[in-house]
C-alpha cells in the first residue's frame, strides 16, 4: 500500500513547459544543494558541456552513488535523434558511468 501511495505521488507531479517535473526547477535557478558528491560532479560536467536550460541530477540509490536519475534539456540536442542525445550524455559521463549500476536518463531538446 505504501508503494502505491509513493507511485501515485510521483505520477501526480506537475510538469514544466519542457516536460520536466516541477521539482527540477531548483536546478535551473542557481547552485542547487547536492545530496552526494556524485550528484555534484555529474551536475558540473553536464552544465559545462551542454549549458542546459534545465537540469536535474538525483542519486536515487539512497546516497550510495550507484543509481542516478538525470533529466537534461539543452539546445545542443535540437535536431538530434533521442539515441544520439543520450549517447552524447553517456560519453560526457563515461568515467562516472563505469562506477555505477544504473542510470535513468531523459534528454529534452527545448522548442
PDB file of N, CA and C in Angstrom:
ATOM      1  N   UNK A   1       0.822  -1.186   0.000  1.00  0.00           N
ATOM      2  CA  UNK A   1       0.000   0.000   0.000  1.00  0.00           C
ATOM      3  C   UNK A   1       0.867   1.251   0.000  1.00  0.00           C
ATOM      4  N   UNK A   2       1.936   1.238   0.793  1.00  0.00           N
ATOM      5  CA  UNK A   2       2.841   2.377   0.848  1.00  0.00           C
ATOM      6  C   UNK A   2       3.487   2.625  -0.510  1.00  0.00           C
ATOM      7  N   UNK A   3       3.869   1.558  -1.199  1.00  0.00           N
ATOM      8  CA  UNK A   3       4.487   1.693  -2.521  1.00  0.00           C
ATOM      9  C   UNK A   3       3.516   2.318  -3.507  1.00  0.00           C
ATOM     10  N   UNK A   4       2.255   1.969  -3.435  1.00  0.00           N
ATOM     11  CA  UNK A   4       1.249   2.535  -4.326  1.00  0.00           C
ATOM     12  C   UNK A   4       1.086   4.031  -4.061  1.00  0.00           C
ATOM     13  N   UNK A   5       1.097   4.447  -2.813  1.00  0.00           N
ATOM     14  CA  UNK A   5       0.987   5.870  -2.481  1.00  0.00           C
ATOM     15  C   UNK A   5       2.187   6.638  -3.010  1.00  0.00           C
ATOM     16  N   UNK A   6       3.384   6.058  -2.900  1.00  0.00           N
ATOM     17  CA  UNK A   6       4.600   6.697  -3.413  1.00  0.00           C
ATOM     18  C   UNK A   6       4.523   6.846  -4.930  1.00  0.00           C
ATOM     19  N   UNK A   7       4.081   5.796  -5.627  1.00  0.00           N
ATOM     20  CA  UNK A   7       3.954   5.831  -7.069  1.00  0.00           C
ATOM     21  C   UNK A   7       2.930   6.877  -7.497  1.00  0.00           C
ATOM     22  N   UNK A   8       1.816   6.960  -6.789  1.00  0.00           N
ATOM     23  CA  UNK A   8       0.780   7.944  -7.107  1.00  0.00           C
ATOM     24  C   UNK A   8       1.322   9.357  -6.971  1.00  0.00           C
ATOM     25  N   UNK A   9       2.094   9.628  -5.913  1.00  0.00           N
ATOM     26  CA  UNK A   9       2.683  10.966  -5.735  1.00  0.00           C
ATOM     27  C   UNK A   9       3.646  11.276  -6.872  1.00  0.00           C
ATOM     28  N   UNK A  10       4.448  10.301  -7.300  1.00  0.00           N
ATOM     29  CA  UNK A  10       5.413  10.524  -8.378  1.00  0.00           C
ATOM     30  C   UNK A  10       4.695  10.806  -9.693  1.00  0.00           C
ATOM     31  N   UNK A  11       3.617  10.116  -9.952  1.00  0.00           N
ATOM     32  CA  UNK A  11       2.890  10.311 -11.201  1.00  0.00           C
ATOM     33  C   UNK A  11       2.100  11.606 -11.216  1.00  0.00           C
ATOM     34  N   UNK A  12       1.734  12.104 -10.040  1.00  0.00           N
ATOM     35  CA  UNK A  12       0.894  13.286  -9.956  1.00  0.00           C
ATOM     36  C   UNK A  12       1.683  14.589  -9.952  1.00  0.00           C
ATOM     37  N   UNK A  13       3.007  14.534 -10.059  1.00  0.00           N
ATOM     38  CA  UNK A  13       3.808  15.752 -10.046  1.00  0.00           C
ATOM     39  C   UNK A  13       3.488  16.625 -11.259  1.00  0.00           C
ATOM     40  N   UNK A  14       3.356  17.922 -11.054  1.00  0.00           N
ATOM     41  CA  UNK A  14       3.096  18.810 -12.184  1.00  0.00           C
ATOM     42  C   UNK A  14       4.312  18.886 -13.105  1.00  0.00           C
ATOM     43  N   UNK A  15       4.079  19.252 -14.350  1.00  0.00           N
ATOM     44  CA  UNK A  15       5.136  19.328 -15.343  1.00  0.00           C
ATOM     45  C   UNK A  15       5.414  20.778 -15.732  1.00  0.00           C
ATOM     46  N   UNK A  16       6.653  21.057 -16.100  1.00  0.00           N
ATOM     47  CA  UNK A  16       7.012  22.341 -16.669  1.00  0.00           C
ATOM     48  C   UNK A  16       6.689  22.314 -18.157  1.00  0.00           C
ATOM     49  N   UNK A  17       6.816  23.440 -18.807  1.00  0.00           N
ATOM     50  CA  UNK A  17       6.555  23.514 -20.241  1.00  0.00           C
ATOM     51  C   UNK A  17       7.468  22.579 -21.030  1.00  0.00           C
ATOM     52  N   UNK A  18       8.664  22.318 -20.533  1.00  0.00           N
ATOM     53  CA  UNK A  18       9.611  21.447 -21.231  1.00  0.00           C
ATOM     54  C   UNK A  18       9.345  19.969 -20.971  1.00  0.00           C
ATOM     55  N   UNK A  19       8.397  19.641 -20.113  1.00  0.00           N
ATOM     56  CA  UNK A  19       8.112  18.251 -19.800  1.00  0.00           C
ATOM     57  C   UNK A  19       8.912  17.729 -18.627  1.00  0.00           C
ATOM     58  N   UNK A  20       9.674  18.589 -17.957  1.00  0.00           N
ATOM     59  CA  UNK A  20      10.460  18.197 -16.802  1.00  0.00           C
ATOM     60  C   UNK A  20       9.617  18.384 -15.554  1.00  0.00           C
ATOM     61  N   UNK A  21       9.609  17.426 -14.632  1.00  0.00           N
ATOM     62  CA  UNK A  21       8.830  17.599 -13.408  1.00  0.00           C
ATOM     63  C   UNK A  21       9.168  18.917 -12.715  1.00  0.00           C
ATOM     64  N   UNK A  22       8.168  19.531 -12.119  1.00  0.00           N
ATOM     65  CA  UNK A  22       8.346  20.827 -11.477  1.00  0.00           C
ATOM     66  C   UNK A  22       9.412  20.811 -10.391  1.00  0.00           C
ATOM     67  N   UNK A  23       9.683  19.645  -9.804  1.00  0.00           N
ATOM     68  CA  UNK A  23      10.704  19.572  -8.760  1.00  0.00           C
ATOM     69  C   UNK A  23      12.093  19.856  -9.318  1.00  0.00           C
ATOM     70  N   UNK A  24      12.232  19.833 -10.638  1.00  0.00           N
ATOM     71  CA  UNK A  24      13.538  20.093 -11.242  1.00  0.00           C
ATOM     72  C   UNK A  24      13.876  21.579 -11.284  1.00  0.00           C
ATOM     73  N   UNK A  25      12.910  22.437 -11.020  1.00  0.00           N
ATOM     74  CA  UNK A  25      13.148  23.873 -11.131  1.00  0.00           C
ATOM     75  C   UNK A  25      14.310  24.349 -10.278  1.00  0.00           C
ATOM     76  N   UNK A  26      14.531  23.748  -9.130  1.00  0.00           N
ATOM     77  CA  UNK A  26      15.609  24.209  -8.260  1.00  0.00           C
ATOM     78  C   UNK A  26      16.958  24.124  -8.936  1.00  0.00           C
ATOM     79  N   UNK A  27      17.124  23.240  -9.900  1.00  0.00           N
ATOM     80  CA  UNK A  27      18.407  23.109 -10.585  1.00  0.00           C
ATOM     81  C   UNK A  27      18.631  24.162 -11.647  1.00  0.00           C
ATOM     82  N   UNK A  28      17.619  24.914 -12.028  1.00  0.00           N
ATOM     83  CA  UNK A  28      17.778  25.866 -13.115  1.00  0.00           C
ATOM     84  C   UNK A  28      17.911  27.303 -12.621  1.00  0.00           C
ATOM     85  N   UNK A  29      17.852  27.526 -11.336  1.00  0.00           N
ATOM     86  CA  UNK A  29      17.845  28.895 -10.828  1.00  0.00           C
ATOM     87  C   UNK A  29      19.031  29.199  -9.929  1.00  0.00           C
ATOM     88  N   UNK A  30      20.142  28.551 -10.129  1.00  0.00           N
ATOM     89  CA  UNK A  30      21.308  28.807  -9.295  1.00  0.00           C
ATOM     90  C   UNK A  30      21.907  27.511  -8.816  1.00  0.00           C
ATOM     91  N   UNK A  31      22.899  27.636  -7.976  1.00  0.00           N
ATOM     92  CA  UNK A  31      23.587  26.456  -7.478  1.00  0.00           C
ATOM     93  C   UNK A  31      22.670  25.626  -6.589  1.00  0.00           C
ATOM     94  N   UNK A  32      22.376  24.402  -6.981  1.00  0.00           N
ATOM     95  CA  UNK A  32      21.497  23.549  -6.176  1.00  0.00           C
ATOM     96  C   UNK A  32      22.241  22.954  -4.981  1.00  0.00           C
ATOM     97  N   UNK A  33      21.477  22.383  -4.102  1.00  0.00           N
ATOM     98  CA  UNK A  33      22.044  21.629  -2.983  1.00  0.00           C
ATOM     99  C   UNK A  33      22.139  20.179  -3.424  1.00  0.00           C
ATOM    100  N   UNK A  34      23.282  19.573  -3.195  1.00  0.00           N
ATOM    101  CA  UNK A  34      23.502  18.196  -3.617  1.00  0.00           C
ATOM    102  C   UNK A  34      23.483  17.275  -2.419  1.00  0.00           C
ATOM    103  N   UNK A  35      22.870  16.106  -2.592  1.00  0.00           N
ATOM    104  CA  UNK A  35      22.842  15.096  -1.538  1.00  0.00           C
ATOM    105  C   UNK A  35      24.154  14.334  -1.466  1.00  0.00           C
ATOM    106  N   UNK A  36      24.819  14.189  -2.615  1.00  0.00           N
ATOM    107  CA  UNK A  36      26.073  13.424  -2.663  1.00  0.00           C
ATOM    108  C   UNK A  36      27.087  14.140  -3.548  1.00  0.00           C
ATOM    109  N   UNK A  37      28.354  13.766  -3.393  1.00  0.00           N
ATOM    110  CA  UNK A  37      29.404  14.307  -4.267  1.00  0.00           C
ATOM    111  C   UNK A  37      29.181  13.871  -5.711  1.00  0.00           C
ATOM    112  N   UNK A  38      28.653  12.678  -5.899  1.00  0.00           N
ATOM    113  CA  UNK A  38      28.375  12.179  -7.245  1.00  0.00           C
ATOM    114  C   UNK A  38      27.395  13.072  -7.982  1.00  0.00           C
ATOM    115  N   UNK A  39      26.343  13.524  -7.285  1.00  0.00           N
ATOM    116  CA  UNK A  39      25.387  14.447  -7.896  1.00  0.00           C
ATOM    117  C   UNK A  39      26.091  15.723  -8.343  1.00  0.00           C
ATOM    118  N   UNK A  40      26.954  16.238  -7.484  1.00  0.00           N
ATOM    119  CA  UNK A  40      27.663  17.487  -7.786  1.00  0.00           C
ATOM    120  C   UNK A  40      28.563  17.330  -9.005  1.00  0.00           C
ATOM    121  N   UNK A  41      29.334  16.250  -9.048  1.00  0.00           N
ATOM    122  CA  UNK A  41      30.259  16.015 -10.159  1.00  0.00           C
ATOM    123  C   UNK A  41      29.498  15.880 -11.473  1.00  0.00           C
ATOM    124  N   UNK A  42      28.447  15.084 -11.480  1.00  0.00           N
ATOM    125  CA  UNK A  42      27.645  14.880 -12.684  1.00  0.00           C
ATOM    126  C   UNK A  42      27.011  16.195 -13.116  1.00  0.00           C
ATOM    127  N   UNK A  43      26.446  16.935 -12.177  1.00  0.00           N
ATOM    128  CA  UNK A  43      25.813  18.223 -12.478  1.00  0.00           C
ATOM    129  C   UNK A  43      26.824  19.180 -13.118  1.00  0.00           C
ATOM    130  N   UNK A  44      27.998  19.273 -12.530  1.00  0.00           N
ATOM    131  CA  UNK A  44      29.014  20.199 -13.046  1.00  0.00           C
ATOM    132  C   UNK A  44      29.487  19.803 -14.444  1.00  0.00           C
ATOM    133  N   UNK A  45      29.705  18.509 -14.684  1.00  0.00           N
ATOM    134  CA  UNK A  45      30.145  18.057 -16.008  1.00  0.00           C
ATOM    135  C   UNK A  45      29.089  18.345 -17.070  1.00  0.00           C
ATOM    136  N   UNK A  46      27.831  18.051 -16.751  1.00  0.00           N
ATOM    137  CA  UNK A  46      26.760  18.273 -17.722  1.00  0.00           C
ATOM    138  C   UNK A  46      26.535  19.761 -17.964  1.00  0.00           C
ATOM    139  N   UNK A  47      26.653  20.565 -16.928  1.00  0.00           N
ATOM    140  CA  UNK A  47      26.489  22.007 -17.074  1.00  0.00           C
ATOM    141  C   UNK A  47      27.587  22.581 -17.961  1.00  0.00           C
ATOM    142  N   UNK A  48      28.808  22.150 -17.737  1.00  0.00           N
ATOM    143  CA  UNK A  48      29.943  22.643 -18.525  1.00  0.00           C
ATOM    144  C   UNK A  48      29.813  22.253 -19.999  1.00  0.00           C
ATOM    145  N   UNK A  49      29.418  21.021 -20.267  1.00  0.00           N
ATOM    146  CA  UNK A  49      29.371  20.501 -21.633  1.00  0.00           C
ATOM    147  C   UNK A  49      28.151  20.990 -22.418  1.00  0.00           C
ATOM    148  N   UNK A  50      26.962  21.012 -21.775  1.00  0.00           N
ATOM    149  CA  UNK A  50      25.727  21.242 -22.515  1.00  0.00           C
ATOM    150  C   UNK A  50      25.047  22.584 -22.257  1.00  0.00           C
ATOM    151  N   UNK A  51      25.481  23.333 -21.268  1.00  0.00           N
ATOM    152  CA  UNK A  51      24.832  24.613 -20.928  1.00  0.00           C
ATOM    153  C   UNK A  51      23.305  24.436 -20.913  1.00  0.00           C
ATOM    154  N   UNK A  52      22.815  23.523 -20.083  1.00  0.00           N
ATOM    155  CA  UNK A  52      21.387  23.159 -20.131  1.00  0.00           C
ATOM    156  C   UNK A  52      20.464  24.272 -19.642  1.00  0.00           C
ATOM    157  N   UNK A  53      19.276  24.308 -20.226  1.00  0.00           N
ATOM    158  CA  UNK A  53      18.243  25.229 -19.748  1.00  0.00           C
ATOM    159  C   UNK A  53      17.555  24.637 -18.523  1.00  0.00           C
ATOM    160  N   UNK A  54      17.560  23.337 -18.404  1.00  0.00           N
ATOM    161  CA  UNK A  54      17.028  22.622 -17.242  1.00  0.00           C
ATOM    162  C   UNK A  54      17.926  21.424 -16.979  1.00  0.00           C
ATOM    163  N   UNK A  55      18.181  21.170 -15.701  1.00  0.00           N
ATOM    164  CA  UNK A  55      18.993  20.014 -15.349  1.00  0.00           C
ATOM    165  C   UNK A  55      18.611  19.527 -13.963  1.00  0.00           C
ATOM    166  N   UNK A  56      18.407  18.232 -13.875  1.00  0.00           N
ATOM    167  CA  UNK A  56      18.133  17.594 -12.582  1.00  0.00           C
ATOM    168  C   UNK A  56      19.001  16.358 -12.485  1.00  0.00           C
ATOM    169  N   UNK A  57      19.763  16.267 -11.432  1.00  0.00           N
ATOM    170  CA  UNK A  57      20.593  15.097 -11.158  1.00  0.00           C
ATOM    171  C   UNK A  57      20.236  14.627  -9.754  1.00  0.00           C
ATOM    172  N   UNK A  58      19.807  13.388  -9.654  1.00  0.00           N
ATOM    173  CA  UNK A  58      19.375  12.870  -8.360  1.00  0.00           C
ATOM    174  C   UNK A  58      19.938  11.473  -8.136  1.00  0.00           C
ATOM    175  N   UNK A  59      20.591  11.288  -7.005  1.00  0.00           N
ATOM    176  CA  UNK A  59      21.059   9.972  -6.591  1.00  0.00           C
ATOM    177  C   UNK A  59      19.853   9.253  -5.986  1.00  0.00           C
ATOM    178  N   UNK A  60      19.337   8.268  -6.703  1.00  0.00           N
ATOM    179  CA  UNK A  60      18.140   7.558  -6.240  1.00  0.00           C
ATOM    180  C   UNK A  60      18.490   6.206  -5.613  1.00  0.00           C
ATOM    181  N   UNK A  61      19.765   6.051  -5.259  1.00  0.00           N
ATOM    182  CA  UNK A  61      20.208   4.793  -4.650  1.00  0.00           C
ATOM    183  C   UNK A  61      20.260   4.886  -3.134  1.00  0.00           C
ATOM    184  N   UNK A  62      19.732   5.948  -2.585  1.00  0.00           N
ATOM    185  CA  UNK A  62      19.768   6.108  -1.143  1.00  0.00           C
ATOM    186  C   UNK A  62      21.061   6.736  -0.659  1.00  0.00           C
ATOM    187  N   UNK A  63      21.791   7.374  -1.563  1.00  0.00           N
ATOM    188  CA  UNK A  63      23.005   8.078  -1.173  1.00  0.00           C
ATOM    189  C   UNK A  63      24.299   7.320  -1.377  1.00  0.00           C
ATOM    190  N   UNK A  64      24.221   6.085  -1.878  1.00  0.00           N
ATOM    191  CA  UNK A  64      25.465   5.323  -2.048  1.00  0.00           C
ATOM    192  C   UNK A  64      26.090   5.535  -3.426  1.00  0.00           C
ATOM    193  N   UNK A  65      25.422   6.281  -4.310  1.00  0.00           N
ATOM    194  CA  UNK A  65      26.008   6.630  -5.597  1.00  0.00           C
ATOM    195  C   UNK A  65      26.027   5.538  -6.638  1.00  0.00           C
ATOM    196  N   UNK A  66      25.089   4.610  -6.572  1.00  0.00           N
ATOM    197  CA  UNK A  66      25.081   3.522  -7.542  1.00  0.00           C
ATOM    198  C   UNK A  66      23.987   3.637  -8.593  1.00  0.00           C
ATOM    199  N   UNK A  67      23.047   4.570  -8.411  1.00  0.00           N
ATOM    200  CA  UNK A  67      21.955   4.724  -9.376  1.00  0.00           C
ATOM    201  C   UNK A  67      21.546   6.190  -9.415  1.00  0.00           C
ATOM    202  N   UNK A  68      21.527   6.766 -10.620  1.00  0.00           N
ATOM    203  CA  UNK A  68      21.191   8.178 -10.784  1.00  0.00           C
ATOM    204  C   UNK A  68      20.030   8.357 -11.752  1.00  0.00           C
ATOM    205  N   UNK A  69      19.260   9.386 -11.494  1.00  0.00           N
ATOM    206  CA  UNK A  69      18.177   9.811 -12.368  1.00  0.00           C
ATOM    207  C   UNK A  69      18.552  11.206 -12.863  1.00  0.00           C
ATOM    208  N   UNK A  70      18.681  11.354 -14.176  1.00  0.00           N
ATOM    209  CA  UNK A  70      19.093  12.623 -14.772  1.00  0.00           C
ATOM    210  C   UNK A  70      18.071  13.056 -15.800  1.00  0.00           C
ATOM    211  N   UNK A  71      17.670  14.312 -15.706  1.00  0.00           N
ATOM    212  CA  UNK A  71      16.831  14.943 -16.719  1.00  0.00           C
ATOM    213  C   UNK A  71      17.589  16.179 -17.177  1.00  0.00           C
ATOM    214  N   UNK A  72      17.800  16.293 -18.493  1.00  0.00           N
ATOM    215  CA  UNK A  72      18.560  17.415 -19.023  1.00  0.00           C
ATOM    216  C   UNK A  72      17.899  17.946 -20.295  1.00  0.00           C
ATOM    217  N   UNK A  73      17.739  19.267 -20.361  1.00  0.00           N
ATOM    218  CA  UNK A  73      17.215  19.951 -21.544  1.00  0.00           C
ATOM    219  C   UNK A  73      18.303  20.896 -22.036  1.00  0.00           C
ATOM    220  N   UNK A  74      18.671  20.762 -23.310  1.00  0.00           N
ATOM    221  CA  UNK A  74      19.735  21.593 -23.863  1.00  0.00           C
ATOM    222  C   UNK A  74      19.468  21.882 -25.331  1.00  0.00           C
ATOM    223  N   UNK A  75      19.789  23.098 -25.746  1.00  0.00           N
ATOM    224  CA  UNK A  75      19.670  23.467 -27.158  1.00  0.00           C
ATOM    225  C   UNK A  75      20.594  22.629 -28.029  1.00  0.00           C
ATOM    226  N   UNK A  76      21.640  22.071 -27.456  1.00  0.00           N
ATOM    227  CA  UNK A  76      22.578  21.239 -28.216  1.00  0.00           C
ATOM    228  C   UNK A  76      21.942  19.939 -28.700  1.00  0.00           C
ATOM    229  N   UNK A  77      20.769  19.605 -28.172  1.00  0.00           N
ATOM    230  CA  UNK A  77      20.077  18.390 -28.590  1.00  0.00           C
ATOM    231  C   UNK A  77      19.133  18.635 -29.769  1.00  0.00           C
ATOM    232  N   UNK A  78      18.917  19.892 -30.138  1.00  0.00           N
ATOM    233  CA  UNK A  78      17.980  20.200 -31.225  1.00  0.00           C
ATOM    234  C   UNK A  78      18.400  19.516 -32.517  1.00  0.00           C
ATOM    235  N   UNK A  79      17.435  18.869 -33.153  1.00  0.00           N
ATOM    236  CA  UNK A  79      17.667  18.208 -34.431  1.00  0.00           C
ATOM    237  C   UNK A  79      18.330  16.841 -34.336  1.00  0.00           C
ATOM    238  N   UNK A  80      18.693  16.423 -33.128  1.00  0.00           N
ATOM    239  CA  UNK A  80      19.335  15.121 -32.959  1.00  0.00           C
ATOM    240  C   UNK A  80      18.314  14.071 -32.539  1.00  0.00           C
ATOM    241  N   UNK A  81      18.454  12.857 -33.048  1.00  0.00           N
ATOM    242  CA  UNK A  81      17.587  11.777 -32.568  1.00  0.00           C
ATOM    243  C   UNK A  81      17.849  11.513 -31.085  1.00  0.00           C
ATOM    244  N   UNK A  82      16.863  10.976 -30.417  1.00  0.00           N
ATOM    245  CA  UNK A  82      16.959  10.701 -28.985  1.00  0.00           C
ATOM    246  C   UNK A  82      18.183   9.857 -28.637  1.00  0.00           C
ATOM    247  N   UNK A  83      18.457   8.849 -29.444  1.00  0.00           N
ATOM    248  CA  UNK A  83      19.601   7.971 -29.179  1.00  0.00           C
ATOM    249  C   UNK A  83      20.907   8.763 -29.228  1.00  0.00           C
ATOM    250  N   UNK A  84      21.050   9.666 -30.177  1.00  0.00           N
ATOM    251  CA  UNK A  84      22.258  10.490 -30.292  1.00  0.00           C
ATOM    252  C   UNK A  84      22.385  11.428 -29.089  1.00  0.00           C
ATOM    253  N   UNK A  85      21.266  12.003 -28.647  1.00  0.00           N
ATOM    254  CA  UNK A  85      21.279  12.879 -27.469  1.00  0.00           C
ATOM    255  C   UNK A  85      21.817  12.118 -26.256  1.00  0.00           C
ATOM    256  N   UNK A  86      21.288  10.929 -26.063  1.00  0.00           N
ATOM    257  CA  UNK A  86      21.685  10.147 -24.897  1.00  0.00           C
ATOM    258  C   UNK A  86      23.113   9.640 -25.013  1.00  0.00           C
ATOM    259  N   UNK A  87      23.572   9.353 -26.207  1.00  0.00           N
ATOM    260  CA  UNK A  87      24.978   8.962 -26.387  1.00  0.00           C
ATOM    261  C   UNK A  87      25.918  10.104 -26.015  1.00  0.00           C
ATOM    262  N   UNK A  88      25.544  11.331 -26.364  1.00  0.00           N
ATOM    263  CA  UNK A  88      26.368  12.491 -26.009  1.00  0.00           C
ATOM    264  C   UNK A  88      26.505  12.617 -24.491  1.00  0.00           C
ATOM    265  N   UNK A  89      25.398  12.419 -23.791  1.00  0.00           N
ATOM    266  CA  UNK A  89      25.435  12.487 -22.322  1.00  0.00           C
ATOM    267  C   UNK A  89      26.275  11.337 -21.776  1.00  0.00           C
ATOM    268  N   UNK A  90      26.073  10.140 -22.302  1.00  0.00           N
ATOM    269  CA  UNK A  90      26.839   8.974 -21.834  1.00  0.00           C
ATOM    270  C   UNK A  90      28.339   9.158 -22.068  1.00  0.00           C
ATOM    271  N   UNK A  91      28.709   9.730 -23.197  1.00  0.00           N
ATOM    272  CA  UNK A  91      30.129   9.983 -23.471  1.00  0.00           C
ATOM    273  C   UNK A  91      30.697  10.995 -22.478  1.00  0.00           C
ATOM    274  N   UNK A  92      29.916  12.008 -22.149  1.00  0.00           N
ATOM    275  CA  UNK A  92      30.355  13.029 -21.208  1.00  0.00           C
ATOM    276  C   UNK A  92      30.572  12.434 -19.821  1.00  0.00           C
ATOM    277  N   UNK A  93      29.737  11.474 -19.459  1.00  0.00           N
ATOM    278  CA  UNK A  93      29.799  10.872 -18.114  1.00  0.00           C
ATOM    279  C   UNK A  93      30.471   9.501 -18.119  1.00  0.00           C
ATOM    280  N   UNK A  94      31.303   9.231 -19.111  1.00  0.00           N
ATOM    281  CA  UNK A  94      31.914   7.908 -19.266  1.00  0.00           C
ATOM    282  C   UNK A  94      32.604   7.419 -17.990  1.00  0.00           C
ATOM    283  N   UNK A  95      33.399   8.271 -17.366  1.00  0.00           N
ATOM    284  CA  UNK A  95      34.112   7.863 -16.147  1.00  0.00           C
ATOM    285  C   UNK A  95      33.152   7.562 -15.005  1.00  0.00           C
ATOM    286  N   UNK A  96      32.124   8.388 -14.852  1.00  0.00           N
ATOM    287  CA  UNK A  96      31.166   8.202 -13.760  1.00  0.00           C
ATOM    288  C   UNK A  96      30.320   6.957 -13.978  1.00  0.00           C
ATOM    289  N   UNK A  97      29.954   6.687 -15.230  1.00  0.00           N
ATOM    290  CA  UNK A  97      29.101   5.541 -15.544  1.00  0.00           C
ATOM    291  C   UNK A  97      29.813   4.222 -15.226  1.00  0.00           C
ATOM    292  N   UNK A  98      31.125   4.196 -15.364  1.00  0.00           N
ATOM    293  CA  UNK A  98      31.881   2.974 -15.059  1.00  0.00           C
ATOM    294  C   UNK A  98      31.703   2.537 -13.610  1.00  0.00           C
ATOM    295  N   UNK A  99      31.453   3.483 -12.701  1.00  0.00           N
ATOM    296  CA  UNK A  99      31.365   3.153 -11.286  1.00  0.00           C
ATOM    297  C   UNK A  99      29.957   3.039 -10.731  1.00  0.00           C
ATOM    298  N   UNK A 100      28.931   3.085 -11.603  1.00  0.00           N
ATOM    299  CA  UNK A 100      27.560   2.991 -11.102  1.00  0.00           C
ATOM    300  C   UNK A 100      26.864   1.769 -11.697  1.00  0.00           C
ATOM    301  N   UNK A 101      25.729   1.414 -11.098  1.00  0.00           N
ATOM    302  CA  UNK A 101      24.984   0.239 -11.548  1.00  0.00           C
ATOM    303  C   UNK A 101      23.830   0.592 -12.471  1.00  0.00           C
ATOM    304  N   UNK A 102      23.315   1.812 -12.345  1.00  0.00           N
ATOM    305  CA  UNK A 102      22.158   2.161 -13.158  1.00  0.00           C
ATOM    306  C   UNK A 102      22.040   3.652 -13.396  1.00  0.00           C
ATOM    307  N   UNK A 103      21.419   3.983 -14.535  1.00  0.00           N
ATOM    308  CA  UNK A 103      21.223   5.373 -14.913  1.00  0.00           C
ATOM    309  C   UNK A 103      19.903   5.518 -15.642  1.00  0.00           C
ATOM    310  N   UNK A 104      19.027   6.351 -15.115  1.00  0.00           N
ATOM    311  CA  UNK A 104      17.805   6.736 -15.812  1.00  0.00           C
ATOM    312  C   UNK A 104      18.112   8.079 -16.434  1.00  0.00           C
ATOM    313  N   UNK A 105      17.955   8.181 -17.749  1.00  0.00           N
ATOM    314  CA  UNK A 105      18.331   9.398 -18.451  1.00  0.00           C
ATOM    315  C   UNK A 105      17.206   9.858 -19.349  1.00  0.00           C
ATOM    316  N   UNK A 106      16.833  11.121 -19.189  1.00  0.00           N
ATOM    317  CA  UNK A 106      15.841  11.724 -20.075  1.00  0.00           C
ATOM    318  C   UNK A 106      16.463  12.986 -20.645  1.00  0.00           C
ATOM    319  N   UNK A 107      16.588  13.020 -21.972  1.00  0.00           N
ATOM    320  CA  UNK A 107      17.115  14.212 -22.638  1.00  0.00           C
ATOM    321  C   UNK A 107      15.974  14.906 -23.363  1.00  0.00           C
ATOM    322  N   UNK A 108      16.042  16.240 -23.385  1.00  0.00           N
ATOM    323  CA  UNK A 108      14.979  17.040 -23.990  1.00  0.00           C
ATOM    324  C   UNK A 108      15.617  18.126 -24.843  1.00  0.00           C
ATOM    325  N   UNK A 109      15.120  18.267 -26.063  1.00  0.00           N
ATOM    326  CA  UNK A 109      15.513  19.379 -26.928  1.00  0.00           C
ATOM    327  C   UNK A 109      14.420  20.436 -26.806  1.00  0.00           C
ATOM    328  N   UNK A 110      14.699  21.556 -26.102  1.00  0.00           N
ATOM    329  CA  UNK A 110      13.664  22.584 -25.922  1.00  0.00           C
ATOM    330  C   UNK A 110      13.148  23.096 -27.264  1.00  0.00           C
ATOM    331  N   UNK A 111      11.901  23.501 -27.254  1.00  0.00           N
ATOM    332  CA  UNK A 111      11.279  24.008 -28.508  1.00  0.00           C
ATOM    333  C   UNK A 111      11.528  25.463 -28.690  1.00  0.00           C
TER     334      UNK A 111
END
